[in-house]
Amino acid sequence: MPLIQVRKKAQITIPSKIRKILGVKEGDYLDVEIENNKIVLTPKVIIDK
């Protein structure tokens, strides 16, 4: 796994290879959880009513 750095305002950049594998694009939503002292990001689909 690539190493990333936390930037100003706690921003991170998900490497393009990881984004492509997961199909994550600009504007997508990610669920954020902590599991076993790890940050877990899960892509989510939001459906309008």
Protein backbone atom coordinates (compact mmCIF):
# COMPACT_ATOMS: atom_id res chain seq x y z
CA MET A 1 0.00 0.00 0.00
CA PRO A 2 1.23 3.50 -0.78
CA LEU A 3 2.06 5.93 2.00
CA ILE A 4 -0.01 9.14 2.16
CA GLN A 5 0.37 12.31 4.21
CA VAL A 6 -2.28 14.23 6.17
CA ARG A 7 -2.28 17.82 4.87
CA LYS A 8 -3.71 21.12 6.08
CA LYS A 9 -7.25 20.86 7.43
CA ALA A 10 -6.73 17.07 7.83
CA GLN A 11 -7.03 16.45 4.08
CA ILE A 12 -5.70 13.28 2.47
CA THR A 13 -5.36 12.20 -1.14
CA ILE A 14 -6.39 8.67 -2.04
CA PRO A 15 -3.88 7.39 -4.60
CA SER A 16 -5.26 7.05 -8.15
CA LYS A 17 -4.52 3.31 -8.30
CA ILE A 18 -6.69 2.74 -5.20
CA ARG A 19 -9.46 5.03 -6.53
CA LYS A 20 -9.51 3.12 -9.84
CA ILE A 21 -9.70 -0.28 -8.12
CA LEU A 22 -12.63 0.90 -5.97
CA GLY A 23 -14.30 2.97 -8.70
CA VAL A 24 -14.20 6.12 -6.55
CA LYS A 25 -14.61 9.36 -8.51
CA GLU A 26 -14.73 13.06 -7.66
CA GLY A 27 -17.93 13.88 -5.78
CA ASP A 28 -18.47 10.32 -4.49
CA TYR A 29 -19.28 9.73 -0.82
CA LEU A 30 -17.21 7.60 1.54
CA ASP A 31 -18.33 6.23 4.90
CA VAL A 32 -15.64 6.64 7.58
CA GLU A 33 -15.31 4.22 10.50
CA ILE A 34 -12.68 3.13 13.00
CA GLU A 35 -12.06 -0.62 13.24
CA ASN A 36 -9.29 -2.04 15.41
CA ASN A 37 -7.52 1.36 15.56
CA LYS A 38 -7.63 1.70 11.75
CA ILE A 39 -9.47 4.22 9.59
CA VAL A 40 -11.76 2.39 7.17
CA LEU A 41 -13.20 4.26 4.17
CA THR A 42 -16.09 2.57 2.36
CA PRO A 43 -17.57 3.95 -0.88
CA LYS A 44 -21.33 4.66 -0.51
CA VAL A 45 -24.08 5.26 -3.03
CA ILE A 46 -26.61 7.94 -2.09
CA ILE A 47 -30.04 7.51 -3.65
CA ASP A 48 -32.45 10.46 -3.84
CA LYS A 49 -36.00 10.01 -2.62
